[in-house]
Amino acid sequence: MNKPTKKDENILINNRINTRFIRIVGDIHPTQEISKEEAISIADKEDKDLILMSISSNGVGICKIEDYQKFIYEKKKKEKEQKKAQKQNQSELKEIRMTPNIDDHDFNFKLNHAKNFLSNGDKVLVSVFFKGREINYQEQGKIVLLKFADELSEVGKAENMPKLEGKRMQMTIKPIKK
């Protein structure tokens, strides 16, 4: 028989189960209520552990007869797969910063980065920063953002129009689902 590690202390096995009656579930054993001692002796005969899965509303412990180490391994494997699937479903927000009088080469360089981000399924936050007196030329910043969104129209769609917040004008572009 195995002992739970400190990390898995919340999983009750064998004599740690504190219910009087137990229902064993699984393919091999018939589903019936038996005493805890009987269930432990059945698990001992099979050289496995009695693992508490849940407690029913009438206080009967629902248990599985399985090797504890194998149970922990499969549980961790399942958690890892769920975490991986959850991570794949999340999209990040990537930011690209520009100035209102950006050069063509710099514009194209940032445009290629945005295309890569959008093709990976990430959203892109495009910002134009106004330094000093550049704030008087907000229309130029708006033109840069709209041109950027237009160039990305095949891989992304603008979620909102450019809006000014303090000394920065920004807009969000989301990827187009294919």
N, C-alpha and C. Protein backbone atom coordinates (compact mmCIF):
# COMPACT_ATOMS: atom_id res chain seq x y z
N MET A 1 0.83 -1.19 0.00
CA MET A 1 0.00 0.00 0.00
C MET A 1 0.88 1.25 0.00
N ASN A 2 0.36 2.29 -0.55
CA ASN A 2 1.11 3.53 -0.67
C ASN A 2 0.56 4.58 0.28
N LYS A 3 1.42 5.53 0.60
CA LYS A 3 1.00 6.66 1.42
C LYS A 3 0.94 7.90 0.54
N PRO A 4 -0.05 8.76 0.79
CA PRO A 4 -0.09 10.00 0.01
C PRO A 4 1.06 10.91 0.39
N THR A 5 1.60 11.59 -0.60
CA THR A 5 2.67 12.55 -0.31
C THR A 5 2.04 13.81 0.27
N LYS A 6 2.89 14.72 0.77
CA LYS A 6 2.37 15.95 1.37
C LYS A 6 1.55 16.75 0.37
N LYS A 7 1.94 16.68 -0.89
CA LYS A 7 1.24 17.43 -1.93
C LYS A 7 -0.16 16.87 -2.16
N ASP A 8 -0.33 15.54 -2.00
CA ASP A 8 -1.60 14.88 -2.28
C ASP A 8 -2.33 14.47 -1.00
N GLU A 9 -2.13 15.19 0.09
CA GLU A 9 -2.74 14.83 1.37
C GLU A 9 -4.26 14.90 1.34
N ASN A 10 -4.84 15.67 0.44
CA ASN A 10 -6.30 15.79 0.41
C ASN A 10 -6.97 14.58 -0.23
N ILE A 11 -6.22 13.65 -0.78
CA ILE A 11 -6.77 12.42 -1.34
C ILE A 11 -6.74 11.37 -0.23
N LEU A 12 -7.92 10.85 0.09
CA LEU A 12 -8.02 9.86 1.15
C LEU A 12 -7.93 8.46 0.57
N ILE A 13 -7.05 7.64 1.17
CA ILE A 13 -6.91 6.25 0.72
C ILE A 13 -6.95 5.33 1.92
N ASN A 14 -7.36 4.08 1.67
CA ASN A 14 -7.38 2.99 2.65
C ASN A 14 -7.95 3.40 4.01
N ASN A 15 -7.17 3.31 5.08
CA ASN A 15 -7.66 3.56 6.44
C ASN A 15 -7.92 5.03 6.73
N ARG A 16 -7.49 5.93 5.89
CA ARG A 16 -7.74 7.36 6.08
C ARG A 16 -9.18 7.73 5.74
N ILE A 17 -9.87 6.87 5.01
CA ILE A 17 -11.27 7.12 4.64
C ILE A 17 -12.11 7.00 5.91
N ASN A 18 -12.96 8.01 6.17
CA ASN A 18 -13.69 8.03 7.44
C ASN A 18 -15.19 7.83 7.28
N THR A 19 -15.62 7.04 6.30
CA THR A 19 -17.03 6.70 6.18
C THR A 19 -17.21 5.23 6.56
N ARG A 20 -18.38 4.88 7.07
CA ARG A 20 -18.63 3.50 7.51
C ARG A 20 -18.88 2.57 6.33
N PHE A 21 -19.65 3.10 5.36
CA PHE A 21 -20.00 2.28 4.20
C PHE A 21 -19.39 2.87 2.94
N ILE A 22 -19.09 1.96 2.01
CA ILE A 22 -18.39 2.36 0.79
C ILE A 22 -19.07 1.71 -0.41
N ARG A 23 -19.16 2.47 -1.49
CA ARG A 23 -19.64 1.95 -2.76
C ARG A 23 -18.44 1.94 -3.69
N ILE A 24 -18.09 0.76 -4.18
CA ILE A 24 -16.95 0.63 -5.08
C ILE A 24 -17.46 0.80 -6.51
N VAL A 25 -16.80 1.68 -7.26
CA VAL A 25 -17.16 1.89 -8.66
C VAL A 25 -16.02 1.41 -9.54
N GLY A 26 -16.37 1.02 -10.72
CA GLY A 26 -15.37 0.54 -11.67
C GLY A 26 -15.94 -0.58 -12.51
N ASP A 27 -15.16 -1.04 -13.47
CA ASP A 27 -15.63 -2.06 -14.40
C ASP A 27 -15.61 -3.46 -13.78
N ILE A 28 -14.64 -3.73 -12.92
CA ILE A 28 -14.42 -5.07 -12.41
C ILE A 28 -15.40 -5.44 -11.29
N HIS A 29 -15.66 -4.49 -10.40
CA HIS A 29 -16.45 -4.78 -9.20
C HIS A 29 -17.92 -4.38 -9.38
N PRO A 30 -18.83 -5.20 -8.84
CA PRO A 30 -20.25 -4.81 -8.90
C PRO A 30 -20.50 -3.62 -7.98
N THR A 31 -21.39 -2.74 -8.39
CA THR A 31 -21.69 -1.54 -7.60
C THR A 31 -22.64 -1.93 -6.47
N GLN A 32 -22.12 -1.94 -5.24
CA GLN A 32 -22.93 -2.24 -4.06
C GLN A 32 -22.30 -1.60 -2.85
N GLU A 33 -23.11 -1.38 -1.81
CA GLU A 33 -22.59 -0.78 -0.58
C GLU A 33 -22.06 -1.88 0.32
N ILE A 34 -20.80 -1.71 0.75
CA ILE A 34 -20.19 -2.65 1.69
C ILE A 34 -19.50 -1.86 2.78
N SER A 35 -19.07 -2.55 3.82
CA SER A 35 -18.38 -1.85 4.91
C SER A 35 -16.97 -1.46 4.48
N LYS A 36 -16.41 -0.49 5.19
CA LYS A 36 -15.08 0.00 4.84
C LYS A 36 -14.04 -1.11 4.97
N GLU A 37 -14.18 -1.95 6.01
CA GLU A 37 -13.22 -3.05 6.24
C GLU A 37 -13.24 -4.06 5.09
N GLU A 38 -14.46 -4.38 4.61
CA GLU A 38 -14.58 -5.31 3.49
C GLU A 38 -13.91 -4.74 2.25
N ALA A 39 -14.15 -3.47 2.00
CA ALA A 39 -13.58 -2.82 0.82
C ALA A 39 -12.05 -2.80 0.89
N ILE A 40 -11.52 -2.52 2.07
CA ILE A 40 -10.05 -2.52 2.23
C ILE A 40 -9.49 -3.92 2.01
N SER A 41 -10.19 -4.95 2.51
CA SER A 41 -9.69 -6.32 2.32
C SER A 41 -9.74 -6.71 0.84
N ILE A 42 -10.76 -6.27 0.11
CA ILE A 42 -10.82 -6.54 -1.34
C ILE A 42 -9.64 -5.88 -2.04
N ALA A 43 -9.35 -4.62 -1.67
CA ALA A 43 -8.22 -3.91 -2.27
C ALA A 43 -6.90 -4.59 -1.92
N ASP A 44 -6.75 -5.08 -0.68
CA ASP A 44 -5.52 -5.78 -0.27
C ASP A 44 -5.32 -7.06 -1.08
N LYS A 45 -6.41 -7.79 -1.33
CA LYS A 45 -6.32 -9.04 -2.10
C LYS A 45 -5.80 -8.77 -3.51
N GLU A 46 -6.20 -7.64 -4.07
CA GLU A 46 -5.77 -7.28 -5.42
C GLU A 46 -4.44 -6.54 -5.42
N ASP A 47 -3.88 -6.31 -4.23
CA ASP A 47 -2.62 -5.57 -4.05
C ASP A 47 -2.73 -4.16 -4.64
N LYS A 48 -3.89 -3.53 -4.36
CA LYS A 48 -4.15 -2.16 -4.81
C LYS A 48 -4.63 -1.34 -3.63
N ASP A 49 -4.98 -0.10 -3.89
CA ASP A 49 -5.43 0.81 -2.84
C ASP A 49 -6.89 1.17 -3.05
N LEU A 50 -7.56 1.51 -1.94
CA LEU A 50 -8.92 2.00 -1.97
C LEU A 50 -8.85 3.52 -1.95
N ILE A 51 -9.30 4.16 -3.02
CA ILE A 51 -9.17 5.61 -3.17
C ILE A 51 -10.55 6.25 -3.13
N LEU A 52 -10.75 7.19 -2.21
CA LEU A 52 -12.03 7.89 -2.09
C LEU A 52 -12.16 8.91 -3.21
N MET A 53 -13.21 8.78 -4.03
CA MET A 53 -13.45 9.71 -5.12
C MET A 53 -14.37 10.84 -4.66
N SER A 54 -15.45 10.49 -3.95
CA SER A 54 -16.37 11.49 -3.41
C SER A 54 -17.25 10.84 -2.35
N ILE A 55 -18.06 11.66 -1.70
CA ILE A 55 -18.99 11.16 -0.69
C ILE A 55 -20.39 11.50 -1.17
N SER A 56 -21.27 10.51 -1.20
CA SER A 56 -22.63 10.74 -1.68
C SER A 56 -23.44 11.51 -0.64
N SER A 57 -24.64 11.91 -1.01
CA SER A 57 -25.48 12.73 -0.13
C SER A 57 -25.91 11.99 1.14
N ASN A 58 -25.97 10.65 1.07
CA ASN A 58 -26.36 9.89 2.26
C ASN A 58 -25.15 9.42 3.08
N GLY A 59 -23.97 9.95 2.83
CA GLY A 59 -22.78 9.67 3.64
C GLY A 59 -22.01 8.43 3.25
N VAL A 60 -22.33 7.85 2.11
CA VAL A 60 -21.62 6.66 1.63
C VAL A 60 -20.44 7.13 0.78
N GLY A 61 -19.25 6.57 1.07
CA GLY A 61 -18.06 6.93 0.31
C GLY A 61 -18.03 6.21 -1.02
N ILE A 62 -17.80 6.95 -2.09
CA ILE A 62 -17.70 6.35 -3.42
C ILE A 62 -16.22 6.21 -3.72
N CYS A 63 -15.77 4.96 -3.88
CA CYS A 63 -14.33 4.68 -3.99
C CYS A 63 -14.01 3.87 -5.23
N LYS A 64 -12.74 3.92 -5.58
CA LYS A 64 -12.18 3.16 -6.69
C LYS A 64 -11.09 2.26 -6.12
N ILE A 65 -10.96 1.08 -6.66
CA ILE A 65 -9.84 0.22 -6.29
C ILE A 65 -8.83 0.31 -7.42
N GLU A 66 -7.69 0.93 -7.12
CA GLU A 66 -6.67 1.19 -8.13
C GLU A 66 -5.33 1.39 -7.43
N ASP A 67 -4.26 1.24 -8.19
CA ASP A 67 -2.92 1.51 -7.65
C ASP A 67 -2.80 3.02 -7.43
N TYR A 68 -2.41 3.42 -6.23
CA TYR A 68 -2.38 4.85 -5.87
C TYR A 68 -1.40 5.63 -6.73
N GLN A 69 -0.22 5.09 -6.97
CA GLN A 69 0.78 5.80 -7.78
C GLN A 69 0.29 6.01 -9.21
N LYS A 70 -0.38 5.00 -9.75
CA LYS A 70 -0.94 5.11 -11.10
C LYS A 70 -2.04 6.16 -11.13
N PHE A 71 -2.87 6.20 -10.09
CA PHE A 71 -3.95 7.19 -9.98
C PHE A 71 -3.38 8.60 -9.96
N ILE A 72 -2.34 8.84 -9.15
CA ILE A 72 -1.70 10.16 -9.05
C ILE A 72 -1.07 10.54 -10.38
N TYR A 73 -0.40 9.59 -11.03
CA TYR A 73 0.24 9.85 -12.33
C TYR A 73 -0.80 10.30 -13.36
N GLU A 74 -1.90 9.56 -13.44
CA GLU A 74 -2.94 9.89 -14.42
C GLU A 74 -3.61 11.22 -14.09
N LYS A 75 -3.78 11.50 -12.79
CA LYS A 75 -4.39 12.77 -12.38
C LYS A 75 -3.49 13.94 -12.77
N LYS A 76 -2.19 13.82 -12.53
CA LYS A 76 -1.26 14.90 -12.90
C LYS A 76 -1.18 15.07 -14.41
N LYS A 77 -1.22 13.96 -15.13
CA LYS A 77 -1.17 14.00 -16.59
C LYS A 77 -2.41 14.73 -17.13
N LYS A 78 -3.57 14.43 -16.56
CA LYS A 78 -4.82 15.07 -16.99
C LYS A 78 -4.79 16.56 -16.69
N GLU A 79 -4.29 16.94 -15.50
CA GLU A 79 -4.18 18.36 -15.13
C GLU A 79 -3.25 19.10 -16.08
N LYS A 80 -2.14 18.46 -16.45
CA LYS A 80 -1.18 19.07 -17.35
C LYS A 80 -1.80 19.30 -18.73
N GLU A 81 -2.57 18.33 -19.22
CA GLU A 81 -3.23 18.47 -20.52
C GLU A 81 -4.28 19.59 -20.47
N GLN A 82 -5.02 19.68 -19.36
CA GLN A 82 -6.02 20.74 -19.23
C GLN A 82 -5.37 22.11 -19.21
N LYS A 83 -4.24 22.21 -18.49
CA LYS A 83 -3.51 23.47 -18.41
C LYS A 83 -2.99 23.87 -19.79
N LYS A 84 -2.49 22.89 -20.54
CA LYS A 84 -1.97 23.15 -21.88
C LYS A 84 -3.09 23.61 -22.81
N ALA A 85 -4.25 22.95 -22.73
CA ALA A 85 -5.39 23.32 -23.57
C ALA A 85 -5.90 24.71 -23.20
N GLN A 86 -5.88 25.03 -21.93
CA GLN A 86 -6.32 26.35 -21.48
C GLN A 86 -5.38 27.43 -21.99
N LYS A 87 -4.09 27.15 -21.97
CA LYS A 87 -3.10 28.11 -22.44
C LYS A 87 -3.24 28.37 -23.94
N GLN A 88 -3.57 27.32 -24.69
CA GLN A 88 -3.72 27.47 -26.14
C GLN A 88 -4.92 28.32 -26.49
N ASN A 89 -5.95 28.30 -25.63
CA ASN A 89 -7.16 29.06 -25.92
C ASN A 89 -7.03 30.53 -25.59
N GLN A 90 -6.03 30.90 -24.83
CA GLN A 90 -5.86 32.29 -24.44
C GLN A 90 -5.07 33.05 -25.51
N SER A 91 -5.51 34.25 -25.79
CA SER A 91 -4.74 35.09 -26.71
C SER A 91 -4.17 36.25 -25.92
N GLU A 92 -2.98 36.63 -26.28
CA GLU A 92 -2.32 37.73 -25.58
C GLU A 92 -2.59 39.05 -26.29
N LEU A 93 -2.34 40.12 -25.59
CA LEU A 93 -2.46 41.45 -26.18
C LEU A 93 -1.04 41.97 -26.38
N LYS A 94 -0.64 42.10 -27.63
CA LYS A 94 0.69 42.60 -27.97
C LYS A 94 0.57 44.07 -28.31
N GLU A 95 1.58 44.85 -27.91
CA GLU A 95 1.53 46.29 -28.15
C GLU A 95 2.59 46.70 -29.15
N ILE A 96 2.20 47.58 -30.05
CA ILE A 96 3.13 48.18 -31.01
C ILE A 96 3.03 49.69 -30.84
N ARG A 97 4.17 50.34 -30.64
CA ARG A 97 4.21 51.79 -30.42
C ARG A 97 4.83 52.50 -31.62
N MET A 98 4.23 53.63 -31.95
CA MET A 98 4.73 54.43 -33.06
C MET A 98 4.64 55.91 -32.70
N THR A 99 5.19 56.75 -33.57
CA THR A 99 5.05 58.20 -33.43
C THR A 99 4.26 58.70 -34.64
N PRO A 100 3.69 59.90 -34.57
CA PRO A 100 2.87 60.38 -35.69
C PRO A 100 3.66 60.60 -36.98
N ASN A 101 4.95 60.87 -36.89
CA ASN A 101 5.75 61.08 -38.11
C ASN A 101 6.73 59.91 -38.29
N ILE A 102 6.18 58.70 -38.39
CA ILE A 102 6.99 57.49 -38.52
C ILE A 102 7.44 57.34 -39.97
N ASP A 103 8.66 56.84 -40.15
CA ASP A 103 9.24 56.61 -41.47
C ASP A 103 8.61 55.37 -42.11
N ASP A 104 8.64 55.28 -43.43
CA ASP A 104 8.04 54.14 -44.14
C ASP A 104 8.68 52.81 -43.75
N HIS A 105 10.00 52.79 -43.64
CA HIS A 105 10.69 51.55 -43.29
C HIS A 105 10.27 51.08 -41.89
N ASP A 106 10.24 52.00 -40.93
CA ASP A 106 9.83 51.65 -39.57
C ASP A 106 8.36 51.19 -39.55
N PHE A 107 7.54 51.86 -40.32
CA PHE A 107 6.12 51.50 -40.41
C PHE A 107 5.97 50.06 -40.91
N ASN A 108 6.69 49.73 -41.99
CA ASN A 108 6.62 48.38 -42.56
C ASN A 108 7.18 47.33 -41.61
N PHE A 109 8.24 47.69 -40.88
CA PHE A 109 8.83 46.78 -39.90
C PHE A 109 7.81 46.43 -38.82
N LYS A 110 7.15 47.43 -38.28
CA LYS A 110 6.13 47.22 -37.25
C LYS A 110 4.91 46.51 -37.81
N LEU A 111 4.59 46.76 -39.07
CA LEU A 111 3.48 46.10 -39.74
C LEU A 111 3.72 44.59 -39.84
N ASN A 112 4.95 44.19 -40.17
CA ASN A 112 5.29 42.77 -40.25
C ASN A 112 5.18 42.10 -38.89
N HIS A 113 5.62 42.80 -37.84
CA HIS A 113 5.47 42.24 -36.49
C HIS A 113 4.00 42.05 -36.15
N ALA A 114 3.18 43.01 -36.49
CA ALA A 114 1.75 42.92 -36.21
C ALA A 114 1.12 41.76 -36.98
N LYS A 115 1.54 41.54 -38.22
CA LYS A 115 1.02 40.42 -39.01
C LYS A 115 1.37 39.09 -38.34
N ASN A 116 2.60 38.98 -37.83
CA ASN A 116 3.00 37.76 -37.13
C ASN A 116 2.17 37.54 -35.87
N PHE A 117 1.96 38.60 -35.10
CA PHE A 117 1.16 38.49 -33.88
C PHE A 117 -0.27 38.05 -34.20
N LEU A 118 -0.87 38.66 -35.22
CA LEU A 118 -2.25 38.33 -35.58
C LEU A 118 -2.37 36.91 -36.13
N SER A 119 -1.37 36.46 -36.89
CA SER A 119 -1.42 35.10 -37.42
C SER A 119 -1.25 34.05 -36.30
N ASN A 120 -0.64 34.45 -35.19
CA ASN A 120 -0.52 33.56 -34.02
C ASN A 120 -1.76 33.61 -33.14
N GLY A 121 -2.73 34.43 -33.49
CA GLY A 121 -3.97 34.50 -32.73
C GLY A 121 -3.98 35.52 -31.62
N ASP A 122 -2.99 36.41 -31.59
CA ASP A 122 -2.93 37.44 -30.55
C ASP A 122 -3.57 38.73 -31.04
N LYS A 123 -4.12 39.49 -30.08
CA LYS A 123 -4.63 40.82 -30.40
C LYS A 123 -3.47 41.79 -30.41
N VAL A 124 -3.61 42.88 -31.15
CA VAL A 124 -2.55 43.88 -31.24
C VAL A 124 -3.11 45.24 -30.83
N LEU A 125 -2.44 45.87 -29.88
CA LEU A 125 -2.79 47.23 -29.46
C LEU A 125 -1.78 48.16 -30.12
N VAL A 126 -2.26 48.98 -31.04
CA VAL A 126 -1.39 49.90 -31.78
C VAL A 126 -1.51 51.27 -31.14
N SER A 127 -0.37 51.84 -30.73
CA SER A 127 -0.38 53.14 -30.05
C SER A 127 0.49 54.13 -30.80
N VAL A 128 0.02 55.38 -30.87
CA VAL A 128 0.82 56.48 -31.40
C VAL A 128 1.05 57.44 -30.24
N PHE A 129 2.33 57.67 -29.91
CA PHE A 129 2.68 58.56 -28.81
C PHE A 129 2.98 59.96 -29.35
N PHE A 130 2.46 60.94 -28.68
CA PHE A 130 2.71 62.33 -29.04
C PHE A 130 3.66 62.92 -28.01
N LYS A 131 4.81 63.43 -28.51
CA LYS A 131 5.80 64.04 -27.61
C LYS A 131 5.76 65.55 -27.79
N GLY A 132 5.73 66.25 -26.68
CA GLY A 132 5.78 67.71 -26.73
C GLY A 132 4.66 68.33 -27.54
N ARG A 133 5.03 69.11 -28.55
CA ARG A 133 4.04 69.82 -29.35
C ARG A 133 3.39 68.97 -30.44
N GLU A 134 3.81 67.71 -30.55
CA GLU A 134 3.20 66.81 -31.55
C GLU A 134 1.71 66.61 -31.26
N ILE A 135 1.28 66.85 -30.02
CA ILE A 135 -0.11 66.67 -29.64
C ILE A 135 -1.04 67.55 -30.48
N ASN A 136 -0.49 68.65 -31.05
CA ASN A 136 -1.29 69.53 -31.91
C ASN A 136 -1.61 68.88 -33.25
N TYR A 137 -0.91 67.79 -33.59
CA TYR A 137 -1.10 67.12 -34.87
C TYR A 137 -1.77 65.75 -34.67
N GLN A 138 -2.88 65.75 -33.94
CA GLN A 138 -3.59 64.50 -33.66
C GLN A 138 -4.12 63.85 -34.93
N GLU A 139 -4.47 64.66 -35.90
CA GLU A 139 -5.01 64.13 -37.16
C GLU A 139 -3.98 63.26 -37.87
N GLN A 140 -2.70 63.64 -37.78
CA GLN A 140 -1.64 62.86 -38.40
C GLN A 140 -1.50 61.49 -37.72
N GLY A 141 -1.63 61.46 -36.40
CA GLY A 141 -1.60 60.19 -35.66
C GLY A 141 -2.76 59.29 -36.04
N LYS A 142 -3.94 59.89 -36.20
CA LYS A 142 -5.12 59.13 -36.60
C LYS A 142 -4.94 58.53 -37.98
N ILE A 143 -4.33 59.28 -38.89
CA ILE A 143 -4.07 58.80 -40.25
C ILE A 143 -3.13 57.59 -40.20
N VAL A 144 -2.08 57.68 -39.36
CA VAL A 144 -1.12 56.57 -39.24
C VAL A 144 -1.83 55.31 -38.74
N LEU A 145 -2.69 55.44 -37.72
CA LEU A 145 -3.41 54.28 -37.17
C LEU A 145 -4.38 53.68 -38.19
N LEU A 146 -5.10 54.52 -38.89
CA LEU A 146 -6.05 54.02 -39.89
C LEU A 146 -5.34 53.34 -41.05
N LYS A 147 -4.18 53.89 -41.46
CA LYS A 147 -3.38 53.27 -42.52
C LYS A 147 -2.87 51.90 -42.05
N PHE A 148 -2.46 51.82 -40.78
CA PHE A 148 -1.97 50.57 -40.19
C PHE A 148 -3.08 49.52 -40.21
N ALA A 149 -4.28 49.92 -39.78
CA ALA A 149 -5.42 48.99 -39.77
C ALA A 149 -5.79 48.55 -41.18
N ASP A 150 -5.70 49.47 -42.14
CA ASP A 150 -6.02 49.15 -43.53
C ASP A 150 -5.03 48.13 -44.10
N GLU A 151 -3.74 48.29 -43.78
CA GLU A 151 -2.71 47.36 -44.26
C GLU A 151 -2.90 45.96 -43.66
N LEU A 152 -3.49 45.89 -42.47
CA LEU A 152 -3.69 44.60 -41.80
C LEU A 152 -5.06 43.99 -42.07
N SER A 153 -5.82 44.57 -43.00
CA SER A 153 -7.21 44.14 -43.21
C SER A 153 -7.34 42.68 -43.62
N GLU A 154 -6.31 42.08 -44.23
CA GLU A 154 -6.40 40.67 -44.64
C GLU A 154 -6.18 39.70 -43.48
N VAL A 155 -5.48 40.10 -42.42
CA VAL A 155 -5.24 39.21 -41.27
C VAL A 155 -5.91 39.67 -39.99
N GLY A 156 -6.35 40.92 -39.93
CA GLY A 156 -6.97 41.43 -38.71
C GLY A 156 -8.04 42.46 -38.98
N LYS A 157 -8.85 42.66 -37.95
CA LYS A 157 -9.95 43.62 -38.06
C LYS A 157 -9.89 44.56 -36.87
N ALA A 158 -10.06 45.85 -37.11
CA ALA A 158 -10.03 46.84 -36.03
C ALA A 158 -11.25 46.67 -35.14
N GLU A 159 -11.02 46.55 -33.83
CA GLU A 159 -12.13 46.42 -32.88
C GLU A 159 -12.77 47.77 -32.61
N ASN A 160 -11.96 48.84 -32.62
CA ASN A 160 -12.49 50.17 -32.32
C ASN A 160 -11.74 51.21 -33.14
N MET A 161 -12.30 52.38 -33.21
CA MET A 161 -11.66 53.49 -33.92
C MET A 161 -10.57 54.08 -33.02
N PRO A 162 -9.59 54.77 -33.63
CA PRO A 162 -8.53 55.38 -32.80
C PRO A 162 -9.11 56.38 -31.81
N LYS A 163 -8.67 56.28 -30.55
CA LYS A 163 -9.13 57.25 -29.56
C LYS A 163 -7.94 57.77 -28.77
N LEU A 164 -8.04 59.03 -28.39
CA LEU A 164 -6.96 59.71 -27.69
C LEU A 164 -7.14 59.56 -26.19
N GLU A 165 -6.09 59.12 -25.52
CA GLU A 165 -6.07 59.00 -24.06
C GLU A 165 -4.78 59.65 -23.57
N GLY A 166 -4.88 60.84 -23.07
CA GLY A 166 -3.68 61.56 -22.63
C GLY A 166 -2.83 61.94 -23.82
N LYS A 167 -1.57 61.47 -23.81
CA LYS A 167 -0.66 61.77 -24.92
C LYS A 167 -0.49 60.59 -25.86
N ARG A 168 -1.43 59.65 -25.81
CA ARG A 168 -1.34 58.49 -26.70
C ARG A 168 -2.69 58.26 -27.37
N MET A 169 -2.62 57.93 -28.64
CA MET A 169 -3.82 57.56 -29.40
C MET A 169 -3.66 56.08 -29.71
N GLN A 170 -4.73 55.31 -29.48
CA GLN A 170 -4.57 53.87 -29.66
C GLN A 170 -5.82 53.23 -30.25
N MET A 171 -5.61 52.04 -30.81
CA MET A 171 -6.71 51.22 -31.32
C MET A 171 -6.30 49.75 -31.21
N THR A 172 -7.29 48.87 -31.10
CA THR A 172 -7.03 47.44 -30.96
C THR A 172 -7.44 46.73 -32.24
N ILE A 173 -6.59 45.79 -32.66
CA ILE A 173 -6.87 45.00 -33.85
C ILE A 173 -6.91 43.54 -33.45
N LYS A 174 -8.00 42.84 -33.80
CA LYS A 174 -8.12 41.43 -33.45
C LYS A 174 -7.94 40.57 -34.69
N PRO A 175 -7.46 39.34 -34.51
CA PRO A 175 -7.23 38.46 -35.67
C PRO A 175 -8.55 38.01 -36.29
N ILE A 176 -8.53 37.77 -37.58
CA ILE A 176 -9.70 37.23 -38.29
C ILE A 176 -9.64 35.72 -38.19
N LYS A 177 -10.73 35.12 -37.74
CA LYS A 177 -10.80 33.65 -37.62
C LYS A 177 -10.94 33.05 -39.00
N LYS A 178 -10.16 32.00 -39.25
CA LYS A 178 -10.22 31.34 -40.56
C LYS A 178 -10.79 29.95 -40.42
